[in-house]
Amino acid sequence: MASRFEIETTKIVKEEEEVNEYEECPIKQVELTVPKTD
């Protein structure tokens, strides 16, 4: 089981990656404003 710190760190990295994609591709702006269902 991953520690809470690892989970939080992974979440932060994932969010940063999404921001990078958002900056690279303006079309993704629409996708990011729509609530995601995992």
Protein backbone atom coordinates (compact mmCIF):
# COMPACT_ATOMS: atom_id res chain seq x y z
CA MET A 1 0.00 0.00 0.00
CA ALA A 2 1.33 3.41 -0.97
CA SER A 3 1.97 5.89 1.80
CA ARG A 4 -0.16 9.02 2.05
CA PHE A 5 2.86 11.11 1.02
CA GLU A 6 3.36 9.08 -2.16
CA ILE A 7 -0.32 9.38 -3.04
CA GLU A 8 -0.27 13.17 -2.55
CA THR A 9 2.95 13.51 -4.56
CA THR A 10 1.53 11.43 -7.41
CA LYS A 11 -1.60 13.56 -7.41
CA ILE A 12 0.45 16.78 -7.62
CA VAL A 13 2.59 15.44 -10.47
CA LYS A 14 -0.53 14.33 -12.33
CA GLU A 15 -2.09 17.77 -11.95
CA GLU A 16 1.11 19.43 -13.23
CA GLU A 17 1.10 17.14 -16.28
CA GLU A 18 -2.51 18.10 -17.00
CA VAL A 19 -1.58 21.79 -16.77
CA ASN A 20 1.29 21.23 -19.22
CA GLU A 21 -1.04 19.51 -21.69
CA TYR A 22 -3.55 22.34 -21.25
CA GLU A 23 -0.87 24.92 -22.10
CA GLU A 24 0.35 22.96 -25.12
CA CYS A 25 -3.10 22.27 -26.55
CA PRO A 26 -5.78 24.99 -26.20
CA ILE A 27 -8.46 22.56 -27.44
CA LYS A 28 -8.02 20.62 -24.19
CA GLN A 29 -9.31 23.67 -22.32
CA VAL A 30 -12.85 22.46 -23.05
CA GLU A 31 -12.09 18.96 -21.76
CA LEU A 32 -10.60 20.29 -18.52
CA THR A 33 -13.64 22.44 -17.73
CA VAL A 34 -15.99 19.46 -18.11
CA PRO A 35 -16.17 17.31 -14.95
CA LYS A 36 -14.30 14.05 -15.45
CA THR A 37 -15.67 10.67 -14.43
CA ASP A 38 -12.95 8.19 -13.56
